[in-house]
Amino acid sequence: MLELYQFSSITVLVLLAAFYGGTYFLTTLIKEEQEDADAFMVSNQRIGYGMGAASMTATWIWAASFYAAATSGYEYGISGPLHYGLWGALMILFIYPFGRRFRNLAPKAHTLGELIHARHGSSSQLILAFSNVLGSIISLMVNFTAAGALVAVLSPLSFQTGIVIAGVGVLSYTLWSGFRASVFTDFAQLIALMGIAIVIIPAVLFAMGGPSVMLDGFKNMSAQQVDFFSTDAILNQGAPFFIAVLAYAIGNQTISQRLFAVNEKHIKSTFVTATLGYGAIVIGLGMIGLMALTLGVEPLNGVNNNLIPQMVSSYLPPFFIGLFFILVIGSLSSTADSDLSALSAIVMADIYGKNLAKGKVDPKRMLFIGRLTMVAATMIGIILASYSFDILVMLVFVGALWGAIVFPVIASCYWDKITNFAFTSAVVVGLVLFLLARSSLLPMDGAIGLSFELLACIGAGVVIGLMAFGFFGKWAGFIAGTLAALAMTYYATGFLREYTVLLSSLVAYGASTLVCVGVSLFNKERFDFDLINERVSHYDTRNEVLPKVKQGLRPAHAHSSSQANS
């Protein structure tokens, strides 16, 4: 049994106070007496390359990236961290081609839901908004759970204490300036995160005896765990996460919020840089789980979320443990503040701006609603985190759940025959069949099992087809999707039902696509996409926002006499 090092309660409280106090101080540099509602949500679409890439990277290098990647390495061996880090990185990249389309259609949007509202109306928009809210709440829960686990392992303080401190700390520096505060602090947090990660990973490796000890431990691993192309890892971890990639990119407001916030000419460079940064750091951190596997380490209290803090606490001196503590707190905070900003934007724009305000938006009330949303979301996240759900399971579940909305959302932005009824019915059917497959309420044998497998094969074709379509165009997408569906039908029918997570994820894609296309084919009307730009605009026209710092953050209330006179 490894001997764990723990800080005193006072030391941990001082570290937390220093981190959150320092972060709050940073936000005072951009804090304005009167905030602008549009700047609060998307910083007026002027975030530059440096801030944009850093914010995107920091947002997605969250606590779950550490713990879930380590769990993948511990459970699936050599290929585990690669499956988590690689597909997670591609999640960022895959939104780029579709993101350009979203920005072209609605250059003044704050959320993807606003675009869908302009395209279809309230019902489709609220479905997307609800899924985004659910995802961000779960993300908050995951990050607060990680904080609680870290504090409980590295100090005498309780799990619940860590959750509460993290929640209050993140809320304190995000509440006033919203998205602007999130982006500004992300830059500093990423610099610290990268520096510490570069030190921590090799330090653990050599403290446990070096590469030779790790290689010796391979003899204690199963044949699947030492196989770089492990079918067990691919079917249970890699494939479900790959399928979730596109769903996360479309369904998560933290990505689309940065998509709408970054200067349009920097979108490509921002997303490519974030992809590379995320993949490199997360795969490296996931290797700590592989190290634990080679040593035969048993997770503390049987909880896989404890693997990384357990390894660091057991093998490194107090200074490095302190660096690791800041590393994890910084990563989870950068994502938690993004979730709060995303939730506030959804409620401000999708719920209040497009539905409750009835065309008469009050910017001051909108800001108040956004801040109130942050407070409520923090409380909900803290309560849910106290139940300590498994992080990896929650990630895959949410990603699969979002799979039902991917095709309707993307198709709505390209095909002028998609209707509101086609969108809503596709999502509902996809969601219902996903839940049936995931919960095993129906026996997956005989005709029922074959039917779900065929839907899943179509879903695989949809995923591959959409990815090819985004980068290479319509015909490439159609050919790639058809070949993928046919290949899956040939190879996967008969055994895919044994892998519930993968089956249910693909069923969500396949069912929603079939319904969306089938219903839309009966529509005789054509939609004019130019209407979207006319229907989506800024809410706060009280002030003109001028640049404040080089990367695109700016004060929210620089008065413009020219606007006042217009």
Protein backbone atom coordinates (compact mmCIF):
# COMPACT_ATOMS: atom_id res chain seq x y z
CA MET A 1 0.00 0.00 0.00
CA LEU A 2 1.42 3.39 -0.99
CA GLU A 3 2.06 5.87 1.80
CA LEU A 4 0.16 9.07 1.08
CA TYR A 5 1.48 12.51 1.91
CA GLN A 6 -1.05 15.05 3.17
CA PHE A 7 -0.80 18.76 3.71
CA SER A 8 -2.21 20.30 6.86
CA SER A 9 -5.64 21.85 6.63
CA ILE A 10 -4.13 25.33 7.03
CA THR A 11 -1.70 24.76 4.13
CA VAL A 12 -4.46 23.67 1.76
CA LEU A 13 -6.69 26.57 2.76
CA VAL A 14 -3.79 28.99 2.17
CA LEU A 15 -3.12 27.48 -1.29
CA LEU A 16 -6.79 27.75 -2.21
CA ALA A 17 -7.04 31.31 -0.89
CA ALA A 18 -3.90 32.32 -2.80
CA PHE A 19 -5.15 30.81 -6.05
CA TYR A 20 -8.69 32.18 -5.95
CA GLY A 21 -7.56 35.46 -4.44
CA GLY A 22 -4.98 35.92 -7.20
CA THR A 23 -7.51 34.99 -9.88
CA TYR A 24 -10.02 37.45 -8.47
CA PHE A 25 -7.35 40.15 -8.51
CA LEU A 26 -6.73 39.49 -12.22
CA THR A 27 -10.40 40.02 -13.00
CA THR A 28 -10.34 43.44 -11.31
CA LEU A 29 -8.08 44.58 -14.17
CA ILE A 30 -11.00 44.24 -16.61
CA LYS A 31 -13.86 44.87 -14.22
CA GLU A 32 -16.15 47.73 -15.22
CA GLU A 33 -18.74 49.54 -13.15
CA GLN A 34 -21.34 49.05 -15.88
CA GLU A 35 -20.93 45.81 -17.81
CA ASP A 36 -22.23 45.34 -21.35
CA ALA A 37 -24.63 42.43 -21.83
CA ASP A 38 -23.05 41.35 -25.13
CA ALA A 39 -19.53 41.59 -23.69
CA PHE A 40 -20.70 39.57 -20.68
CA MET A 41 -21.71 36.74 -23.04
CA VAL A 42 -19.20 36.78 -25.93
CA SER A 43 -16.87 39.78 -25.43
CA ASN A 44 -18.40 41.36 -28.53
CA GLN A 45 -16.89 38.85 -31.01
CA ARG A 46 -13.42 40.42 -30.84
CA ILE A 47 -11.28 37.95 -28.91
CA GLY A 48 -7.86 37.67 -30.57
CA TYR A 49 -5.81 34.60 -31.46
CA GLY A 50 -3.69 34.44 -28.30
CA MET A 51 -6.53 34.79 -25.83
CA GLY A 52 -8.85 32.65 -27.93
CA ALA A 53 -6.48 29.70 -28.31
CA ALA A 54 -5.44 29.84 -24.66
CA SER A 55 -9.04 30.02 -23.47
CA MET A 56 -10.16 27.12 -25.67
CA THR A 57 -7.24 24.97 -24.51
CA ALA A 58 -7.64 25.80 -20.83
CA THR A 59 -11.38 25.24 -20.96
CA TRP A 60 -10.99 21.71 -22.31
CA ILE A 61 -7.97 20.73 -20.20
CA TRP A 62 -10.25 20.31 -17.23
CA ALA A 63 -10.14 18.07 -14.19
CA ALA A 64 -11.96 15.31 -16.06
CA SER A 65 -9.14 15.36 -18.62
CA PHE A 66 -6.77 14.37 -15.84
CA TYR A 67 -8.89 11.85 -13.99
CA ALA A 68 -10.70 10.26 -16.93
CA ALA A 69 -7.51 10.01 -19.00
CA ALA A 70 -5.74 8.37 -16.04
CA THR A 71 -8.68 6.01 -15.60
CA SER A 72 -8.43 5.07 -19.27
CA GLY A 73 -4.73 4.30 -18.86
CA TYR A 74 -5.37 2.31 -15.71
CA GLU A 75 -8.22 0.24 -17.13
CA TYR A 76 -7.17 -0.21 -20.76
CA GLY A 77 -3.40 0.03 -20.64
CA ILE A 78 -1.14 1.50 -23.31
CA SER A 79 -3.81 2.72 -25.69
CA GLY A 80 -6.12 4.14 -23.01
CA PRO A 81 -4.64 7.66 -22.69
CA LEU A 82 -4.35 7.92 -26.48
CA HIS A 83 -8.02 7.11 -26.97
CA TYR A 84 -9.00 9.78 -24.47
CA GLY A 85 -6.54 12.51 -25.45
CA LEU A 86 -6.63 12.07 -29.23
CA TRP A 87 -10.40 12.00 -29.64
CA GLY A 88 -10.80 14.77 -27.10
CA ALA A 89 -8.43 16.93 -29.13
CA LEU A 90 -10.28 16.16 -32.36
CA MET A 91 -13.47 17.25 -30.62
CA ILE A 92 -12.13 20.80 -30.80
CA LEU A 93 -10.94 20.50 -34.39
CA PHE A 94 -14.16 19.01 -35.78
CA ILE A 95 -16.23 22.04 -34.82
CA TYR A 96 -14.06 24.33 -36.97
CA PRO A 97 -15.61 23.77 -40.44
CA PHE A 98 -19.14 23.84 -39.06
CA GLY A 99 -18.23 26.79 -36.87
CA ARG A 100 -17.33 28.85 -39.91
CA ARG A 101 -20.79 28.16 -41.28
CA PHE A 102 -22.42 29.13 -37.98
CA ARG A 103 -20.52 32.43 -37.90
CA ASN A 104 -21.38 33.20 -41.52
CA LEU A 105 -25.08 32.65 -40.87
CA ALA A 106 -25.24 34.50 -37.55
CA PRO A 107 -22.18 36.76 -37.03
CA LYS A 108 -23.79 38.48 -34.03
CA ALA A 109 -24.95 35.34 -32.23
CA HIS A 110 -24.12 34.55 -28.61
CA THR A 111 -25.30 30.93 -28.57
CA LEU A 112 -25.98 28.24 -31.13
CA GLY A 113 -29.53 28.21 -29.81
CA GLU A 114 -30.11 31.72 -31.17
CA LEU A 115 -29.22 30.50 -34.65
CA ILE A 116 -31.61 27.55 -34.31
CA HIS A 117 -34.32 29.91 -33.02
CA ALA A 118 -33.92 32.07 -36.13
CA ARG A 119 -34.03 28.94 -38.29
CA HIS A 120 -36.88 27.00 -36.65
CA GLY A 121 -38.43 28.80 -33.69
CA SER A 122 -38.69 28.27 -29.96
CA SER A 123 -39.27 24.52 -29.63
CA SER A 124 -36.11 23.48 -31.49
CA GLN A 125 -34.11 26.20 -29.79
CA LEU A 126 -35.24 25.20 -26.30
CA ILE A 127 -34.40 21.55 -26.97
CA LEU A 128 -30.85 22.59 -27.82
CA ALA A 129 -30.73 25.00 -24.89
CA PHE A 130 -31.93 22.31 -22.47
CA SER A 131 -29.28 19.87 -23.68
CA ASN A 132 -26.62 22.57 -23.28
CA VAL A 133 -27.80 23.38 -19.76
CA LEU A 134 -27.75 19.69 -18.81
CA GLY A 135 -24.24 19.27 -20.18
CA SER A 136 -22.85 22.34 -18.44
CA ILE A 137 -24.44 21.41 -15.11
CA ILE A 138 -22.89 17.95 -15.34
CA SER A 139 -19.56 19.54 -16.27
CA LEU A 140 -19.77 21.77 -13.20
CA MET A 141 -20.56 18.74 -11.08
CA VAL A 142 -17.57 16.86 -12.51
CA ASN A 143 -15.17 19.73 -11.80
CA PHE A 144 -16.43 20.27 -8.27
CA THR A 145 -16.21 16.49 -7.71
CA ALA A 146 -12.57 16.61 -8.81
CA ALA A 147 -11.89 19.45 -6.36
CA GLY A 148 -13.47 17.50 -3.52
CA ALA A 149 -11.47 14.36 -4.33
CA LEU A 150 -8.23 16.35 -4.51
CA VAL A 151 -8.77 18.11 -1.18
CA ALA A 152 -9.86 14.88 0.54
CA VAL A 153 -6.76 12.97 -0.65
CA LEU A 154 -4.18 15.68 0.00
CA SER A 155 -5.48 17.07 3.29
CA PRO A 156 -7.55 16.20 6.36
CA LEU A 157 -10.35 18.38 4.99
CA SER A 158 -13.50 16.63 3.83
CA PHE A 159 -14.65 15.95 0.26
CA GLN A 160 -17.60 18.33 0.77
CA THR A 161 -15.28 21.12 1.94
CA GLY A 162 -13.28 20.96 -1.28
CA ILE A 163 -16.47 21.10 -3.34
CA VAL A 164 -17.80 24.18 -1.57
CA ILE A 165 -14.51 26.11 -1.69
CA ALA A 166 -14.09 25.44 -5.41
CA GLY A 167 -17.67 26.47 -6.15
CA VAL A 168 -17.51 29.70 -4.18
CA GLY A 169 -14.02 30.53 -5.51
CA VAL A 170 -14.97 30.16 -9.17
CA LEU A 171 -18.20 32.09 -8.70
CA SER A 172 -16.39 34.95 -6.94
CA TYR A 173 -14.22 35.92 -9.91
CA THR A 174 -16.71 35.10 -12.69
CA LEU A 175 -19.86 36.70 -11.34
CA TRP A 176 -19.31 40.31 -12.38
CA SER A 177 -17.56 40.22 -15.78
CA GLY A 178 -18.80 36.82 -16.99
CA PHE A 179 -17.20 35.53 -20.19
CA ARG A 180 -14.59 38.30 -20.24
CA ALA A 181 -13.34 37.17 -16.82
CA SER A 182 -13.31 33.55 -17.95
CA VAL A 183 -11.19 34.26 -21.03
CA PHE A 184 -8.80 36.61 -19.23
CA THR A 185 -8.07 34.17 -16.40
CA ASP A 186 -7.85 31.21 -18.80
CA PHE A 187 -4.71 32.70 -20.32
CA ALA A 188 -2.87 32.89 -17.00
CA GLN A 189 -4.16 29.50 -15.87
CA LEU A 190 -2.98 27.80 -19.07
CA ILE A 191 0.54 29.18 -18.78
CA ALA A 192 0.78 27.85 -15.21
CA LEU A 193 -0.86 24.57 -16.17
CA MET A 194 1.55 23.83 -19.02
CA GLY A 195 4.59 24.66 -16.96
CA ILE A 196 3.55 22.47 -14.06
CA ALA A 197 2.46 19.54 -16.26
CA ILE A 198 5.85 19.49 -18.00
CA VAL A 199 7.48 19.08 -14.58
CA ILE A 200 5.01 16.74 -12.86
CA ILE A 201 4.76 13.93 -15.46
CA PRO A 202 8.49 13.06 -15.70
CA ALA A 203 8.88 13.65 -11.96
CA VAL A 204 6.36 10.89 -11.17
CA LEU A 205 7.96 8.57 -13.74
CA PHE A 206 11.46 8.86 -12.29
CA ALA A 207 10.27 8.89 -8.67
CA MET A 208 8.68 5.46 -9.20
CA GLY A 209 11.97 4.11 -10.57
CA GLY A 210 12.15 5.33 -14.15
CA PRO A 211 11.16 3.83 -17.50
CA SER A 212 12.78 0.48 -16.70
CA VAL A 213 10.48 -0.09 -13.72
CA MET A 214 7.47 0.86 -15.81
CA LEU A 215 8.51 -1.54 -18.58
CA ASP A 216 9.03 -4.34 -16.05
CA GLY A 217 5.46 -3.83 -14.90
CA PHE A 218 4.12 -4.67 -18.35
CA LYS A 219 4.36 -8.36 -17.47
CA ASN A 220 1.61 -7.80 -14.87
CA MET A 221 -0.78 -6.45 -17.51
CA SER A 222 -3.25 -8.42 -19.56
CA ALA A 223 -2.76 -9.12 -23.26
CA GLN A 224 -5.35 -6.48 -24.14
CA GLN A 225 -3.70 -3.86 -21.91
CA VAL A 226 -0.29 -4.24 -23.58
CA ASP A 227 -1.80 -4.24 -27.07
CA PHE A 228 -1.50 -0.84 -28.73
CA PHE A 229 -4.52 -1.73 -30.89
CA SER A 230 -6.55 -3.32 -28.10
CA THR A 231 -10.06 -4.20 -29.26
CA ASP A 232 -11.22 -3.99 -25.65
CA ALA A 233 -9.99 -0.39 -25.41
CA ILE A 234 -11.37 0.51 -28.83
CA LEU A 235 -14.87 -0.88 -28.28
CA ASN A 236 -15.30 0.16 -24.65
CA GLN A 237 -13.43 3.46 -24.57
CA GLY A 238 -12.10 4.67 -27.92
CA ALA A 239 -15.13 4.14 -30.15
CA PRO A 240 -17.74 5.52 -27.69
CA PHE A 241 -15.56 8.55 -27.04
CA PHE A 242 -14.92 9.02 -30.77
CA ILE A 243 -18.68 8.95 -31.35
CA ALA A 244 -19.13 11.48 -28.55
CA VAL A 245 -16.56 13.82 -30.12
CA LEU A 246 -18.87 15.43 -32.66
CA ALA A 247 -21.72 15.54 -30.16
CA TYR A 248 -19.59 17.44 -27.64
CA ALA A 249 -18.44 19.86 -30.32
CA ILE A 250 -22.02 20.68 -31.32
CA GLY A 251 -23.79 20.28 -28.00
CA ASN A 252 -21.46 22.15 -25.66
CA GLN A 253 -21.99 25.88 -25.30
CA THR A 254 -18.45 26.47 -23.96
CA ILE A 255 -17.09 25.64 -27.43
CA SER A 256 -19.71 27.51 -29.44
CA GLN A 257 -19.41 30.50 -27.10
CA ARG A 258 -15.71 30.82 -27.98
CA LEU A 259 -16.56 30.20 -31.60
CA PHE A 260 -18.87 33.23 -31.58
CA ALA A 261 -16.47 35.30 -29.45
CA VAL A 262 -13.17 34.96 -31.31
CA ASN A 263 -12.36 37.35 -34.14
CA GLU A 264 -13.60 35.62 -37.28
CA LYS A 265 -10.26 35.78 -39.09
CA HIS A 266 -8.61 33.87 -36.21
CA ILE A 267 -11.09 30.98 -35.98
CA LYS A 268 -8.95 28.42 -37.83
CA SER A 269 -5.67 29.19 -36.06
CA THR A 270 -7.40 29.31 -32.70
CA PHE A 271 -9.01 25.89 -33.03
CA VAL A 272 -5.93 24.17 -34.53
CA THR A 273 -3.70 25.49 -31.74
CA ALA A 274 -6.16 24.40 -29.07
CA THR A 275 -6.37 20.93 -30.63
CA LEU A 276 -2.61 20.41 -30.46
CA GLY A 277 -2.25 21.83 -26.96
CA TYR A 278 -5.07 19.77 -25.51
CA GLY A 279 -3.92 16.49 -27.04
CA ALA A 280 -0.29 16.77 -25.94
CA ILE A 281 -1.00 17.67 -22.32
CA VAL A 282 -3.88 15.28 -21.69
CA ILE A 283 -2.20 12.23 -23.21
CA GLY A 284 0.82 12.93 -21.03
CA LEU A 285 -1.25 13.22 -17.87
CA GLY A 286 -3.15 10.05 -18.78
CA MET A 287 0.15 8.18 -18.69
CA ILE A 288 0.15 8.55 -14.91
CA GLY A 289 -2.76 6.09 -14.86
CA LEU A 290 -0.68 3.69 -16.97
CA MET A 291 2.17 4.07 -14.48
CA ALA A 292 -0.20 3.13 -11.67
CA LEU A 293 -1.28 0.04 -13.60
CA THR A 294 2.29 -1.16 -14.17
CA LEU A 295 3.02 -0.81 -10.45
CA GLY A 296 -0.12 -2.68 -9.43
CA VAL A 297 -1.48 0.32 -7.50
CA GLU A 298 -5.01 -0.06 -6.14
CA PRO A 299 -7.11 3.14 -6.28
CA LEU A 300 -7.69 4.68 -2.88
CA ASN A 301 -11.08 3.57 -1.52
CA GLY A 302 -11.66 1.80 -4.84
CA VAL A 303 -12.35 5.15 -6.59
CA ASN A 304 -10.51 5.63 -9.88
CA ASN A 305 -10.83 9.41 -9.57
CA ASN A 306 -8.20 9.19 -6.80
CA LEU A 307 -5.48 7.67 -9.02
CA ILE A 308 -3.60 10.82 -10.04
CA PRO A 309 -3.62 12.57 -6.65
CA GLN A 310 -2.73 9.22 -5.08
CA MET A 311 0.30 8.70 -7.35
CA VAL A 312 1.54 12.28 -6.93
CA SER A 313 1.04 12.21 -3.17
CA SER A 314 2.87 8.89 -2.85
CA TYR A 315 5.94 9.53 -4.99
CA LEU A 316 6.67 13.25 -5.03
CA PRO A 317 8.02 15.64 -2.35
CA PRO A 318 5.73 18.33 -0.85
CA PHE A 319 6.85 21.08 -3.26
CA PHE A 320 5.80 19.06 -6.31
CA ILE A 321 2.59 18.00 -4.60
CA GLY A 322 1.82 21.67 -4.06
CA LEU A 323 2.44 22.37 -7.76
CA PHE A 324 0.14 19.49 -8.67
CA PHE A 325 -2.53 20.86 -6.35
CA ILE A 326 -2.44 24.21 -8.14
CA LEU A 327 -2.40 22.41 -11.51
CA VAL A 328 -5.67 20.59 -10.84
CA ILE A 329 -7.38 23.52 -9.14
CA GLY A 330 -6.44 25.74 -12.07
CA SER A 331 -7.67 23.27 -14.68
CA LEU A 332 -11.01 22.59 -13.03
CA SER A 333 -11.55 26.29 -12.33
CA SER A 334 -10.88 27.29 -15.94
CA THR A 335 -13.58 24.92 -17.11
CA ALA A 336 -16.00 25.65 -14.29
CA ASP A 337 -15.91 29.39 -15.00
CA SER A 338 -16.53 28.59 -18.68
CA ASP A 339 -19.54 26.49 -17.70
CA LEU A 340 -20.92 29.34 -15.60
CA SER A 341 -20.41 31.75 -18.51
CA ALA A 342 -22.06 29.29 -20.90
CA LEU A 343 -25.06 28.74 -18.63
CA SER A 344 -25.54 32.46 -18.11
CA ALA A 345 -25.42 33.08 -21.89
CA ILE A 346 -27.97 30.33 -22.54
CA VAL A 347 -30.42 31.71 -20.00
CA MET A 348 -29.79 35.33 -21.01
CA ALA A 349 -30.06 34.83 -24.78
CA ASP A 350 -32.02 31.63 -25.40
CA ILE A 351 -34.54 31.80 -22.58
CA TYR A 352 -34.89 35.48 -21.68
CA GLY A 353 -33.79 37.21 -24.89
CA LYS A 354 -35.63 35.01 -27.40
CA ASN A 355 -38.63 33.83 -25.37
CA LEU A 356 -39.48 35.72 -22.18
CA ALA A 357 -38.62 39.27 -23.28
CA LYS A 358 -41.06 39.20 -26.23
CA GLY A 359 -38.79 41.45 -28.29
CA LYS A 360 -38.32 44.02 -25.50
CA VAL A 361 -34.94 43.11 -24.00
CA ASP A 362 -33.74 45.12 -21.00
CA PRO A 363 -29.90 44.85 -20.91
CA LYS A 364 -29.74 45.54 -17.17
CA ARG A 365 -32.30 42.86 -16.41
CA MET A 366 -30.49 40.52 -18.80
CA LEU A 367 -27.25 40.99 -16.87
CA PHE A 368 -29.03 40.41 -13.57
CA ILE A 369 -30.54 37.18 -14.93
CA GLY A 370 -27.12 36.04 -16.12
CA ARG A 371 -25.53 36.56 -12.70
CA LEU A 372 -28.45 34.95 -10.93
CA THR A 373 -28.03 31.95 -13.23
CA MET A 374 -24.39 31.66 -12.18
CA VAL A 375 -25.32 31.60 -8.50
CA ALA A 376 -28.06 29.00 -9.00
CA ALA A 377 -25.85 26.82 -11.22
CA THR A 378 -23.06 26.87 -8.65
CA MET A 379 -25.44 25.70 -5.92
CA ILE A 380 -26.80 22.90 -8.12
CA GLY A 381 -23.29 21.81 -9.12
CA ILE A 382 -22.17 21.66 -5.49
CA ILE A 383 -25.19 19.59 -4.47
CA LEU A 384 -24.78 17.11 -7.34
CA ALA A 385 -21.02 16.85 -6.79
CA SER A 386 -21.60 15.63 -3.24
CA TYR A 387 -22.88 12.35 -4.72
CA SER A 388 -19.42 11.63 -6.25
CA PHE A 389 -20.48 10.09 -9.56
CA ASP A 390 -17.89 8.35 -11.77
CA ILE A 391 -16.42 11.01 -14.05
CA LEU A 392 -15.69 8.84 -17.10
CA VAL A 393 -19.18 7.31 -17.08
CA MET A 394 -20.81 10.74 -16.91
CA LEU A 395 -18.72 12.07 -19.82
CA VAL A 396 -19.62 9.21 -22.15
CA PHE A 397 -23.31 9.38 -21.15
CA VAL A 398 -23.64 13.10 -21.89
CA GLY A 399 -21.74 12.78 -25.16
CA ALA A 400 -24.06 10.02 -26.34
CA LEU A 401 -27.12 11.96 -25.23
CA TRP A 402 -26.02 14.91 -27.34
CA GLY A 403 -25.68 12.58 -30.32
CA ALA A 404 -29.41 12.91 -30.98
CA ILE A 405 -29.10 16.64 -31.78
CA VAL A 406 -25.98 16.61 -33.97
CA PHE A 407 -27.46 15.84 -37.39
CA PRO A 408 -30.59 18.04 -36.96
CA VAL A 409 -28.43 21.00 -35.91
CA ILE A 410 -25.86 20.66 -38.70
CA ALA A 411 -28.41 19.83 -41.39
CA SER A 412 -30.51 22.84 -40.38
CA CYS A 413 -27.58 25.09 -41.28
CA TYR A 414 -27.05 23.61 -44.75
CA TRP A 415 -30.30 22.07 -46.03
CA ASP A 416 -33.14 24.50 -46.64
CA LYS A 417 -35.87 21.81 -46.38
CA ILE A 418 -35.37 20.97 -42.68
CA THR A 419 -38.46 21.97 -40.70
CA ASN A 420 -39.10 22.65 -37.04
CA PHE A 421 -41.16 19.45 -36.80
CA ALA A 422 -38.37 17.44 -38.44
CA PHE A 423 -35.87 18.83 -35.92
CA THR A 424 -37.91 18.23 -32.79
CA SER A 425 -39.24 14.81 -33.79
CA ALA A 426 -35.75 13.64 -34.77
CA VAL A 427 -34.28 14.65 -31.41
CA VAL A 428 -37.13 13.08 -29.42
CA VAL A 429 -37.00 9.76 -31.30
CA GLY A 430 -33.21 9.63 -31.12
CA LEU A 431 -33.25 10.36 -27.39
CA VAL A 432 -35.93 7.75 -26.62
CA LEU A 433 -34.16 5.00 -28.57
CA PHE A 434 -30.84 5.97 -26.99
CA LEU A 435 -32.31 5.58 -23.51
CA LEU A 436 -33.92 2.26 -24.43
CA ALA A 437 -30.62 0.91 -25.72
CA ARG A 438 -28.52 2.34 -22.89
CA SER A 439 -30.78 1.17 -20.06
CA SER A 440 -31.33 -2.30 -21.60
CA LEU A 441 -35.09 -2.02 -21.10
CA LEU A 442 -35.56 -4.13 -24.22
CA PRO A 443 -33.91 -7.53 -24.73
CA MET A 444 -31.10 -7.03 -27.24
CA ASP A 445 -31.57 -10.28 -29.08
CA GLY A 446 -33.42 -11.53 -32.13
CA ALA A 447 -35.14 -8.97 -34.33
CA ILE A 448 -34.95 -6.22 -31.68
CA GLY A 449 -31.20 -6.57 -31.29
CA LEU A 450 -30.68 -6.65 -35.05
CA SER A 451 -32.86 -3.54 -35.53
CA PHE A 452 -30.83 -1.56 -33.00
CA GLU A 453 -27.59 -2.76 -34.58
CA LEU A 454 -28.74 -1.61 -38.02
CA LEU A 455 -29.65 1.80 -36.59
CA ALA A 456 -26.21 1.92 -35.00
CA CYS A 457 -24.56 1.08 -38.34
CA ILE A 458 -26.42 4.00 -39.93
CA GLY A 459 -25.28 6.14 -37.02
CA ALA A 460 -21.65 5.20 -37.67
CA GLY A 461 -22.09 6.25 -41.28
CA VAL A 462 -23.59 9.56 -40.15
CA VAL A 463 -20.63 10.32 -37.86
CA ILE A 464 -18.00 9.55 -40.49
CA GLY A 465 -20.05 11.26 -43.19
CA LEU A 466 -20.46 14.49 -41.23
CA MET A 467 -16.78 14.67 -40.39
CA ALA A 468 -15.80 14.14 -44.03
CA PHE A 469 -18.46 16.61 -45.16
CA GLY A 470 -17.15 19.31 -42.82
CA PHE A 471 -13.63 19.19 -44.23
CA PHE A 472 -14.05 17.90 -47.79
CA GLY A 473 -17.57 18.70 -48.94
CA LYS A 474 -20.91 17.05 -49.71
CA TRP A 475 -19.86 14.23 -52.02
CA ALA A 476 -16.90 13.20 -49.88
CA GLY A 477 -19.21 13.08 -46.88
CA PHE A 478 -21.82 11.02 -48.70
CA ILE A 479 -19.30 8.48 -50.00
CA ALA A 480 -17.43 8.16 -46.70
CA GLY A 481 -20.66 7.83 -44.73
CA THR A 482 -22.08 5.19 -47.06
CA LEU A 483 -18.91 3.11 -46.99
CA ALA A 484 -18.71 3.36 -43.20
CA ALA A 485 -22.34 2.27 -42.78
CA LEU A 486 -21.86 -0.68 -45.14
CA ALA A 487 -18.64 -1.74 -43.42
CA MET A 488 -20.31 -1.59 -40.02
CA THR A 489 -23.27 -3.62 -41.28
CA TYR A 490 -20.92 -6.32 -42.51
CA TYR A 491 -18.59 -6.50 -39.53
CA ALA A 492 -20.62 -5.34 -36.54
CA THR A 493 -24.05 -6.97 -36.78
CA GLY A 494 -24.32 -9.84 -34.37
CA PHE A 495 -21.87 -8.61 -31.74
CA LEU A 496 -22.33 -4.83 -31.47
CA ARG A 497 -25.22 -5.42 -29.07
CA GLU A 498 -22.68 -6.69 -26.53
CA TYR A 499 -21.22 -3.17 -26.22
CA THR A 500 -24.09 -1.17 -24.77
CA VAL A 501 -22.35 2.20 -24.54
CA LEU A 502 -21.21 2.14 -28.16
CA LEU A 503 -24.51 0.74 -29.44
CA SER A 504 -26.66 3.34 -27.71
CA SER A 505 -24.40 6.20 -28.81
CA LEU A 506 -24.63 5.21 -32.46
CA VAL A 507 -28.38 4.56 -32.24
CA ALA A 508 -28.92 8.18 -31.19
CA TYR A 509 -27.17 9.39 -34.35
CA GLY A 510 -28.82 6.89 -36.68
CA ALA A 511 -32.38 7.28 -35.44
CA SER A 512 -32.35 11.09 -35.34
CA THR A 513 -30.88 11.25 -38.86
CA LEU A 514 -33.45 8.91 -40.37
CA VAL A 515 -36.37 10.79 -38.82
CA CYS A 516 -34.96 14.23 -39.70
CA VAL A 517 -34.37 13.31 -43.35
CA GLY A 518 -37.60 11.37 -43.71
CA VAL A 519 -39.82 14.17 -42.40
CA SER A 520 -37.95 16.90 -44.30
CA LEU A 521 -38.35 15.16 -47.64
CA PHE A 522 -42.10 15.85 -47.47
CA ASN A 523 -41.52 19.58 -47.04
CA LYS A 524 -42.14 21.59 -50.21
CA GLU A 525 -40.99 24.97 -48.87
CA ARG A 526 -37.45 26.36 -48.96
CA PHE A 527 -35.85 28.42 -46.20
CA ASP A 528 -33.96 31.64 -46.95
CA PHE A 529 -30.76 31.47 -44.85
CA ASP A 530 -30.26 35.23 -45.13
CA LEU A 531 -33.12 35.60 -42.65
CA ILE A 532 -30.95 34.20 -39.85
CA ASN A 533 -28.59 37.19 -39.89
CA GLU A 534 -31.57 39.54 -39.84
CA ARG A 535 -33.11 37.77 -36.84
CA VAL A 536 -29.97 37.49 -34.67
CA SER A 537 -28.41 40.69 -33.35
CA HIS A 538 -26.80 42.28 -30.31
CA TYR A 539 -28.95 43.01 -27.27
CA ASP A 540 -27.09 45.84 -25.56
CA THR A 541 -26.89 48.88 -27.83
CA ARG A 542 -26.33 51.39 -25.03
CA ASN A 543 -22.60 51.67 -25.54
CA GLU A 544 -19.92 51.12 -28.10
CA VAL A 545 -17.25 48.73 -26.93
CA LEU A 546 -13.66 49.68 -27.67
CA PRO A 547 -10.54 47.47 -27.52
CA LYS A 548 -8.86 47.34 -24.12
CA VAL A 549 -6.05 44.84 -24.47
CA LYS A 550 -4.20 43.46 -27.44
CA GLN A 551 -5.96 40.10 -27.53
CA GLY A 552 -9.45 41.54 -27.76
CA LEU A 553 -10.75 42.14 -24.21
CA ARG A 554 -12.18 45.60 -23.81
CA PRO A 555 -14.09 47.83 -21.43
CA ALA A 556 -17.82 47.41 -21.61
CA HIS A 557 -18.98 51.00 -21.43
CA ALA A 558 -16.87 53.35 -23.54
CA HIS A 559 -19.41 55.95 -24.52
CA SER A 560 -19.72 56.69 -28.20
CA SER A 561 -21.09 60.04 -29.17
CA SER A 562 -21.49 58.84 -32.72
CA GLN A 563 -23.80 56.06 -31.62
CA ALA A 564 -25.70 58.39 -29.37
CA ASN A 565 -26.29 60.69 -32.31
CA SER A 566 -27.36 57.92 -34.69
